[in-house]
Amino acid sequence: MAVRSALPWPFRWAMLAIVAGFCAAIALWAFEFGKEIAGLDRGAKEQLQQMRFENDTLRAQIETLTAERNKAQSVAHTADTVLTAEKVAQEKLVDMNRQLQADNQRLKDDLGFFEQLIPAAGANAGTLAIRGLQADVLPSGEIKWQVLVMQAAKNPPEFEGQLELTLAGLTNGKSWTGGPPGGALTIKVKQYGRIEGVFRPPAQVLVKSITAKVLQGQVVKATQTVKLS
């Protein structure tokens, strides 16, 4: 005697499929639950989070290093600018120092020269006089000279005359005299007048002294001689 089911075959296959799907779902759930229990999935998530954190840290470090590099470049450019400005300022200071030294020397020369303007007491006060005759031998061998002629009187009439320079020295052991080319210089003096110039003596001549004479026509009004060292 055989017992047969009353359910048709299609319904039996549907029931088998449902049961198989339910079993597969349970198996999948069991597999995922097992991984979670074993810590595999948690470790992967933690590792991923750790990698993300390290990536963010590295990115922050790169941004910091980039900012520091930009700052260092800016400081370097600023330092170069400051050094250039300091160099220009130093060159200007050197030029100013040279100019000040030249001005100081000129003022010393003028002071020593104009000190001669102080009227001298004595019988010759108030008459035309040579109050300063200076002569210096330059490294080039030229002789730089200057003469101060003055009238010490108050509001004197203008003097018109000539300034004659005579240089004396030796050449090849023999006496020598000469003067600047052109002869005597025409001068006009109201209260005082300063005349100066540069003279190159002939070769082989050793100048020992220079004499300045102020003449009015053929009359010598004043004379002075200085020796050259």
C-alpha atoms as a PDB file:
ATOM      1  CA  MET A   1       0.000   0.000   0.000  1.00  0.00           C
ATOM      2  CA  ALA A   2       1.547   3.437  -0.986  1.00  0.00           C
ATOM      3  CA  VAL A   3       0.745   6.831   0.522  1.00  0.00           C
ATOM      4  CA  ARG A   4       0.980   9.767  -1.849  1.00  0.00           C
ATOM      5  CA  SER A   5       0.950  13.447  -1.032  1.00  0.00           C
ATOM      6  CA  ALA A   6      -2.010  15.437  -1.864  1.00  0.00           C
ATOM      7  CA  LEU A   7       0.153  18.524  -2.884  1.00  0.00           C
ATOM      8  CA  PRO A   8       0.908  18.954  -6.547  1.00  0.00           C
ATOM      9  CA  TRP A   9       4.542  18.996  -7.738  1.00  0.00           C
ATOM     10  CA  PRO A  10       4.679  22.702  -8.433  1.00  0.00           C
ATOM     11  CA  PHE A  11       3.782  23.521  -4.884  1.00  0.00           C
ATOM     12  CA  ARG A  12       6.354  21.069  -3.632  1.00  0.00           C
ATOM     13  CA  TRP A  13       9.096  22.738  -5.672  1.00  0.00           C
ATOM     14  CA  ALA A  14       8.026  26.168  -4.421  1.00  0.00           C
ATOM     15  CA  MET A  15       8.193  24.983  -0.827  1.00  0.00           C
ATOM     16  CA  LEU A  16      11.622  23.469  -1.431  1.00  0.00           C
ATOM     17  CA  ALA A  17      12.840  26.756  -2.935  1.00  0.00           C
ATOM     18  CA  ILE A  18      11.522  28.734   0.033  1.00  0.00           C
ATOM     19  CA  VAL A  19      13.199  26.376   2.479  1.00  0.00           C
ATOM     20  CA  ALA A  20      16.474  26.507   0.484  1.00  0.00           C
ATOM     21  CA  GLY A  21      16.389  30.321   0.433  1.00  0.00           C
ATOM     22  CA  PHE A  22      15.695  30.460   4.133  1.00  0.00           C
ATOM     23  CA  CYS A  23      18.600  28.120   4.803  1.00  0.00           C
ATOM     24  CA  ALA A  24      20.900  30.196   2.601  1.00  0.00           C
ATOM     25  CA  ALA A  25      19.874  33.365   4.474  1.00  0.00           C
ATOM     26  CA  ILE A  26      20.558  31.662   7.777  1.00  0.00           C
ATOM     27  CA  ALA A  27      23.955  30.462   6.495  1.00  0.00           C
ATOM     28  CA  LEU A  28      24.890  33.953   5.283  1.00  0.00           C
ATOM     29  CA  TRP A  29      23.820  35.464   8.595  1.00  0.00           C
ATOM     30  CA  ALA A  30      25.833  32.868  10.419  1.00  0.00           C
ATOM     31  CA  PHE A  31      28.893  33.603   8.256  1.00  0.00           C
ATOM     32  CA  GLU A  32      28.711  37.394   8.853  1.00  0.00           C
ATOM     33  CA  PHE A  33      28.021  36.849  12.534  1.00  0.00           C
ATOM     34  CA  GLY A  34      30.996  34.532  12.702  1.00  0.00           C
ATOM     35  CA  LYS A  35      33.248  37.124  11.098  1.00  0.00           C
ATOM     36  CA  GLU A  36      32.043  39.733  13.553  1.00  0.00           C
ATOM     37  CA  ILE A  37      32.633  37.370  16.414  1.00  0.00           C
ATOM     38  CA  ALA A  38      36.099  36.531  15.085  1.00  0.00           C
ATOM     39  CA  GLY A  39      36.931  40.270  14.790  1.00  0.00           C
ATOM     40  CA  LEU A  40      37.846  40.104  11.102  1.00  0.00           C
ATOM     41  CA  ASP A  41      35.431  42.762   9.885  1.00  0.00           C
ATOM     42  CA  ARG A  42      36.118  44.984  12.916  1.00  0.00           C
ATOM     43  CA  GLY A  43      39.854  44.795  12.279  1.00  0.00           C
ATOM     44  CA  ALA A  44      39.379  45.781   8.648  1.00  0.00           C
ATOM     45  CA  LYS A  45      37.255  48.782   9.643  1.00  0.00           C
ATOM     46  CA  GLU A  46      39.724  49.829  12.301  1.00  0.00           C
ATOM     47  CA  GLN A  47      42.598  49.487   9.818  1.00  0.00           C
ATOM     48  CA  LEU A  48      40.679  51.557   7.287  1.00  0.00           C
ATOM     49  CA  GLN A  49      39.987  54.221   9.891  1.00  0.00           C
ATOM     50  CA  GLN A  50      43.665  54.176  10.934  1.00  0.00           C
ATOM     51  CA  MET A  51      44.763  54.602   7.304  1.00  0.00           C
ATOM     52  CA  ARG A  52      42.349  57.499   6.864  1.00  0.00           C
ATOM     53  CA  PHE A  53      43.670  59.123  10.034  1.00  0.00           C
ATOM     54  CA  GLU A  54      47.285  58.714   8.900  1.00  0.00           C
ATOM     55  CA  ASN A  55      46.387  60.119   5.494  1.00  0.00           C
ATOM     56  CA  ASP A  56      44.789  63.169   7.123  1.00  0.00           C
ATOM     57  CA  THR A  57      47.843  63.566   9.365  1.00  0.00           C
ATOM     58  CA  LEU A  58      50.226  63.396   6.403  1.00  0.00           C
ATOM     59  CA  ARG A  59      48.103  65.885   4.499  1.00  0.00           C
ATOM     60  CA  ALA A  60      48.195  68.277   7.479  1.00  0.00           C
ATOM     61  CA  GLN A  61      51.982  67.858   7.728  1.00  0.00           C
ATOM     62  CA  ILE A  62      52.356  68.574   3.998  1.00  0.00           C
ATOM     63  CA  GLU A  63      50.260  71.723   4.355  1.00  0.00           C
ATOM     64  CA  THR A  64      52.355  72.805   7.356  1.00  0.00           C
ATOM     65  CA  LEU A  65      55.628  72.160   5.526  1.00  0.00           C
ATOM     66  CA  THR A  66      54.339  74.019   2.470  1.00  0.00           C
ATOM     67  CA  ALA A  67      53.386  77.002   4.620  1.00  0.00           C
ATOM     68  CA  GLU A  68      56.806  76.948   6.334  1.00  0.00           C
ATOM     69  CA  ARG A  69      58.556  76.746   2.948  1.00  0.00           C
ATOM     70  CA  ASN A  70      56.571  79.711   1.636  1.00  0.00           C
ATOM     71  CA  LYS A  71      57.386  81.634   4.797  1.00  0.00           C
ATOM     72  CA  ALA A  72      61.095  80.780   4.470  1.00  0.00           C
ATOM     73  CA  GLN A  73      61.091  81.922   0.838  1.00  0.00           C
ATOM     74  CA  SER A  74      59.414  85.161   1.841  1.00  0.00           C
ATOM     75  CA  VAL A  75      61.975  85.710   4.596  1.00  0.00           C
ATOM     76  CA  ALA A  76      64.804  84.960   2.140  1.00  0.00           C
ATOM     77  CA  HIS A  77      63.443  87.464  -0.365  1.00  0.00           C
ATOM     78  CA  THR A  78      63.065  90.024   2.422  1.00  0.00           C
ATOM     79  CA  ALA A  79      66.627  89.361   3.589  1.00  0.00           C
ATOM     80  CA  ASP A  80      67.944  89.829   0.051  1.00  0.00           C
ATOM     81  CA  THR A  81      66.045  93.108  -0.210  1.00  0.00           C
ATOM     82  CA  VAL A  82      67.391  94.271   3.150  1.00  0.00           C
ATOM     83  CA  LEU A  83      70.959  93.326   2.183  1.00  0.00           C
ATOM     84  CA  THR A  84      70.629  95.190  -1.105  1.00  0.00           C
ATOM     85  CA  ALA A  85      69.256  98.251   0.673  1.00  0.00           C
ATOM     86  CA  GLU A  86      72.050  98.087   3.264  1.00  0.00           C
ATOM     87  CA  LYS A  87      74.667  97.814   0.503  1.00  0.00           C
ATOM     88  CA  VAL A  88      73.255 100.842  -1.312  1.00  0.00           C
ATOM     89  CA  ALA A  89      73.079 102.784   1.968  1.00  0.00           C
ATOM     90  CA  GLN A  90      76.678 101.818   2.790  1.00  0.00           C
ATOM     91  CA  GLU A  91      77.877 102.981  -0.633  1.00  0.00           C
ATOM     92  CA  LYS A  92      76.048 106.276  -0.123  1.00  0.00           C
ATOM     93  CA  LEU A  93      77.637 106.645   3.307  1.00  0.00           C
ATOM     94  CA  VAL A  94      81.085 106.025   1.817  1.00  0.00           C
ATOM     95  CA  ASP A  95      80.456 108.680  -0.835  1.00  0.00           C
ATOM     96  CA  MET A  96      79.154 111.088   1.798  1.00  0.00           C
ATOM     97  CA  ASN A  97      82.199 110.402   3.970  1.00  0.00           C
ATOM     98  CA  ARG A  98      84.535 111.163   1.070  1.00  0.00           C
ATOM     99  CA  GLN A  99      82.632 114.341   0.295  1.00  0.00           C
ATOM    100  CA  LEU A 100      82.714 115.379   3.958  1.00  0.00           C
ATOM    101  CA  GLN A 101      86.456 114.763   4.111  1.00  0.00           C
ATOM    102  CA  ALA A 102      86.952 116.864   0.993  1.00  0.00           C
ATOM    103  CA  ASP A 103      84.724 119.613   2.395  1.00  0.00           C
ATOM    104  CA  ASN A 104      86.562 119.458   5.719  1.00  0.00           C
ATOM    105  CA  GLN A 105      89.916 119.827   4.006  1.00  0.00           C
ATOM    106  CA  ARG A 106      88.594 122.713   1.922  1.00  0.00           C
ATOM    107  CA  LEU A 107      87.255 124.418   5.043  1.00  0.00           C
ATOM    108  CA  LYS A 108      90.598 123.974   6.776  1.00  0.00           C
ATOM    109  CA  ASP A 109      92.338 125.521   3.790  1.00  0.00           C
ATOM    110  CA  ASP A 110      89.865 128.386   3.721  1.00  0.00           C
ATOM    111  CA  LEU A 111      90.172 128.910   7.455  1.00  0.00           C
ATOM    112  CA  GLY A 112      93.941 129.051   7.312  1.00  0.00           C
ATOM    113  CA  PHE A 113      93.724 131.322   4.310  1.00  0.00           C
ATOM    114  CA  PHE A 114      91.122 133.724   5.641  1.00  0.00           C
ATOM    115  CA  GLU A 115      92.869 133.977   8.991  1.00  0.00           C
ATOM    116  CA  GLN A 116      95.199 136.183   7.012  1.00  0.00           C
ATOM    117  CA  LEU A 117      92.350 138.661   6.662  1.00  0.00           C
ATOM    118  CA  ILE A 118      92.817 139.843  10.234  1.00  0.00           C
ATOM    119  CA  PRO A 119      94.423 143.289   9.943  1.00  0.00           C
ATOM    120  CA  ALA A 120      97.940 143.446  11.272  1.00  0.00           C
ATOM    121  CA  ALA A 121      98.927 146.202  13.689  1.00  0.00           C
ATOM    122  CA  GLY A 122     101.878 148.384  12.783  1.00  0.00           C
ATOM    123  CA  ALA A 123     103.051 150.982  10.345  1.00  0.00           C
ATOM    124  CA  ASN A 124     101.830 149.038   7.314  1.00  0.00           C
ATOM    125  CA  ALA A 125      98.242 148.673   8.591  1.00  0.00           C
ATOM    126  CA  GLY A 126      95.797 150.160   6.115  1.00  0.00           C
ATOM    127  CA  THR A 127      98.073 149.697   3.076  1.00  0.00           C
ATOM    128  CA  LEU A 128      98.049 147.062   0.339  1.00  0.00           C
ATOM    129  CA  ALA A 129      99.803 143.900   1.476  1.00  0.00           C
ATOM    130  CA  ILE A 130     100.269 140.257   0.628  1.00  0.00           C
ATOM    131  CA  ARG A 131      98.781 138.593   3.696  1.00  0.00           C
ATOM    132  CA  GLY A 132      99.149 134.996   2.594  1.00  0.00           C
ATOM    133  CA  LEU A 133     101.352 133.172   0.112  1.00  0.00           C
ATOM    134  CA  GLN A 134     101.127 129.390   0.036  1.00  0.00           C
ATOM    135  CA  ALA A 135     102.775 126.886  -2.296  1.00  0.00           C
ATOM    136  CA  ASP A 136     102.674 123.092  -2.270  1.00  0.00           C
ATOM    137  CA  VAL A 137     104.374 120.539  -4.499  1.00  0.00           C
ATOM    138  CA  LEU A 138     101.790 118.032  -5.761  1.00  0.00           C
ATOM    139  CA  PRO A 139     102.584 114.327  -6.312  1.00  0.00           C
ATOM    140  CA  SER A 140     102.437 115.029 -10.044  1.00  0.00           C
ATOM    141  CA  GLY A 141     105.367 117.458  -9.687  1.00  0.00           C
ATOM    142  CA  GLU A 142     103.170 120.498 -10.270  1.00  0.00           C
ATOM    143  CA  ILE A 143     103.234 123.421  -7.837  1.00  0.00           C
ATOM    144  CA  LYS A 144      99.908 124.647  -6.504  1.00  0.00           C
ATOM    145  CA  TRP A 145     100.034 128.234  -5.274  1.00  0.00           C
ATOM    146  CA  GLN A 146      97.645 130.808  -3.863  1.00  0.00           C
ATOM    147  CA  VAL A 147      98.098 134.427  -2.865  1.00  0.00           C
ATOM    148  CA  LEU A 148      95.918 136.592  -0.636  1.00  0.00           C
ATOM    149  CA  VAL A 149      96.142 140.325  -1.334  1.00  0.00           C
ATOM    150  CA  MET A 150      94.221 142.737   0.875  1.00  0.00           C
ATOM    151  CA  GLN A 151      93.749 146.340   1.791  1.00  0.00           C
ATOM    152  CA  ALA A 152      93.206 146.583   5.516  1.00  0.00           C
ATOM    153  CA  ALA A 153      91.751 150.104   5.364  1.00  0.00           C
ATOM    154  CA  LYS A 154      88.016 150.636   5.750  1.00  0.00           C
ATOM    155  CA  ASN A 155      86.295 151.155   2.391  1.00  0.00           C
ATOM    156  CA  PRO A 156      89.534 151.573   0.396  1.00  0.00           C
ATOM    157  CA  PRO A 157      89.461 152.452  -3.302  1.00  0.00           C
ATOM    158  CA  GLU A 158      89.741 149.542  -5.705  1.00  0.00           C
ATOM    159  CA  PHE A 159      93.306 148.625  -6.484  1.00  0.00           C
ATOM    160  CA  GLU A 160      94.275 147.682 -10.019  1.00  0.00           C
ATOM    161  CA  GLY A 161      97.678 146.186 -10.675  1.00  0.00           C
ATOM    162  CA  GLN A 162      99.614 143.045 -11.519  1.00  0.00           C
ATOM    163  CA  LEU A 163     100.667 139.954  -9.621  1.00  0.00           C
ATOM    164  CA  GLU A 164     104.057 138.610 -10.592  1.00  0.00           C
ATOM    165  CA  LEU A 165     105.288 135.192  -9.476  1.00  0.00           C
ATOM    166  CA  THR A 166     108.942 134.161  -9.564  1.00  0.00           C
ATOM    167  CA  LEU A 167     110.144 130.642  -8.793  1.00  0.00           C
ATOM    168  CA  ALA A 168     113.756 129.935  -7.878  1.00  0.00           C
ATOM    169  CA  GLY A 169     115.557 126.614  -7.756  1.00  0.00           C
ATOM    170  CA  LEU A 170     118.240 124.407  -9.233  1.00  0.00           C
ATOM    171  CA  THR A 171     118.668 122.503 -12.460  1.00  0.00           C
ATOM    172  CA  ASN A 172     121.658 120.240 -12.921  1.00  0.00           C
ATOM    173  CA  GLY A 173     123.359 121.967  -9.983  1.00  0.00           C
ATOM    174  CA  LYS A 174     122.897 125.454 -11.448  1.00  0.00           C
ATOM    175  CA  SER A 175     120.615 128.277 -10.317  1.00  0.00           C
ATOM    176  CA  TRP A 176     117.298 128.606 -12.100  1.00  0.00           C
ATOM    177  CA  THR A 177     114.501 131.182 -12.031  1.00  0.00           C
ATOM    178  CA  GLY A 178     111.228 131.211 -13.900  1.00  0.00           C
ATOM    179  CA  GLY A 179     107.518 131.751 -13.589  1.00  0.00           C
ATOM    180  CA  PRO A 180     104.143 130.683 -14.895  1.00  0.00           C
ATOM    181  CA  PRO A 181     103.590 131.151 -18.623  1.00  0.00           C
ATOM    182  CA  GLY A 182     101.912 134.396 -19.614  1.00  0.00           C
ATOM    183  CA  GLY A 183     103.860 136.601 -17.237  1.00  0.00           C
ATOM    184  CA  ALA A 184     102.222 138.829 -14.615  1.00  0.00           C
ATOM    185  CA  LEU A 185      98.512 138.476 -13.859  1.00  0.00           C
ATOM    186  CA  THR A 186      96.165 141.457 -13.820  1.00  0.00           C
ATOM    187  CA  ILE A 187      94.357 141.800 -10.490  1.00  0.00           C
ATOM    188  CA  LYS A 188      91.680 144.026  -9.013  1.00  0.00           C
ATOM    189  CA  VAL A 189      91.324 144.228  -5.256  1.00  0.00           C
ATOM    190  CA  LYS A 190      88.702 146.137  -3.282  1.00  0.00           C
ATOM    191  CA  GLN A 191      89.052 144.751   0.231  1.00  0.00           C
ATOM    192  CA  TYR A 192      90.802 141.474  -0.455  1.00  0.00           C
ATOM    193  CA  GLY A 193      91.409 139.110  -3.328  1.00  0.00           C
ATOM    194  CA  ARG A 194      92.598 135.534  -3.577  1.00  0.00           C
ATOM    195  CA  ILE A 195      94.497 134.406  -6.645  1.00  0.00           C
ATOM    196  CA  GLU A 196      95.519 130.796  -7.176  1.00  0.00           C
ATOM    197  CA  GLY A 197      96.846 128.499  -9.829  1.00  0.00           C
ATOM    198  CA  VAL A 198      98.958 125.463 -10.720  1.00  0.00           C
ATOM    199  CA  PHE A 199     102.372 125.654 -12.394  1.00  0.00           C
ATOM    200  CA  ARG A 200     104.462 122.824 -13.817  1.00  0.00           C
ATOM    201  CA  PRO A 201     108.169 123.668 -13.752  1.00  0.00           C
ATOM    202  CA  PRO A 202     110.455 122.342 -16.484  1.00  0.00           C
ATOM    203  CA  ALA A 203     111.867 118.855 -16.151  1.00  0.00           C
ATOM    204  CA  GLN A 204     115.007 118.443 -14.027  1.00  0.00           C
ATOM    205  CA  VAL A 205     114.169 121.668 -12.116  1.00  0.00           C
ATOM    206  CA  LEU A 206     114.017 121.528  -8.334  1.00  0.00           C
ATOM    207  CA  VAL A 207     112.046 124.549  -7.107  1.00  0.00           C
ATOM    208  CA  LYS A 208     113.259 125.884  -3.775  1.00  0.00           C
ATOM    209  CA  SER A 209     111.186 129.043  -3.282  1.00  0.00           C
ATOM    210  CA  ILE A 210     108.437 131.183  -4.747  1.00  0.00           C
ATOM    211  CA  THR A 211     108.136 134.981  -4.588  1.00  0.00           C
ATOM    212  CA  ALA A 212     104.943 136.964  -5.145  1.00  0.00           C
ATOM    213  CA  LYS A 213     105.031 140.666  -6.024  1.00  0.00           C
ATOM    214  CA  VAL A 214     102.124 143.091  -6.400  1.00  0.00           C
ATOM    215  CA  LEU A 215     102.935 145.913  -8.787  1.00  0.00           C
ATOM    216  CA  GLN A 216     101.184 149.039  -9.919  1.00  0.00           C
ATOM    217  CA  GLY A 217     102.928 149.930 -13.106  1.00  0.00           C
ATOM    218  CA  GLN A 218     106.619 149.676 -12.230  1.00  0.00           C
ATOM    219  CA  VAL A 219     106.065 150.311  -8.535  1.00  0.00           C
ATOM    220  CA  VAL A 220     106.254 147.307  -6.197  1.00  0.00           C
ATOM    221  CA  LYS A 221     103.389 147.608  -3.685  1.00  0.00           C
ATOM    222  CA  ALA A 222     103.934 144.364  -1.798  1.00  0.00           C
ATOM    223  CA  THR A 223     106.173 141.315  -1.912  1.00  0.00           C
ATOM    224  CA  GLN A 224     106.480 138.009  -0.057  1.00  0.00           C
ATOM    225  CA  THR A 225     108.634 134.901  -0.443  1.00  0.00           C
ATOM    226  CA  VAL A 226     108.090 131.370   0.870  1.00  0.00           C
ATOM    227  CA  LYS A 227     110.366 128.358   0.703  1.00  0.00           C
ATOM    228  CA  LEU A 228     109.209 124.989  -0.492  1.00  0.00           C
ATOM    229  CA  SER A 229     110.057 121.995   1.634  1.00  0.00           C
END
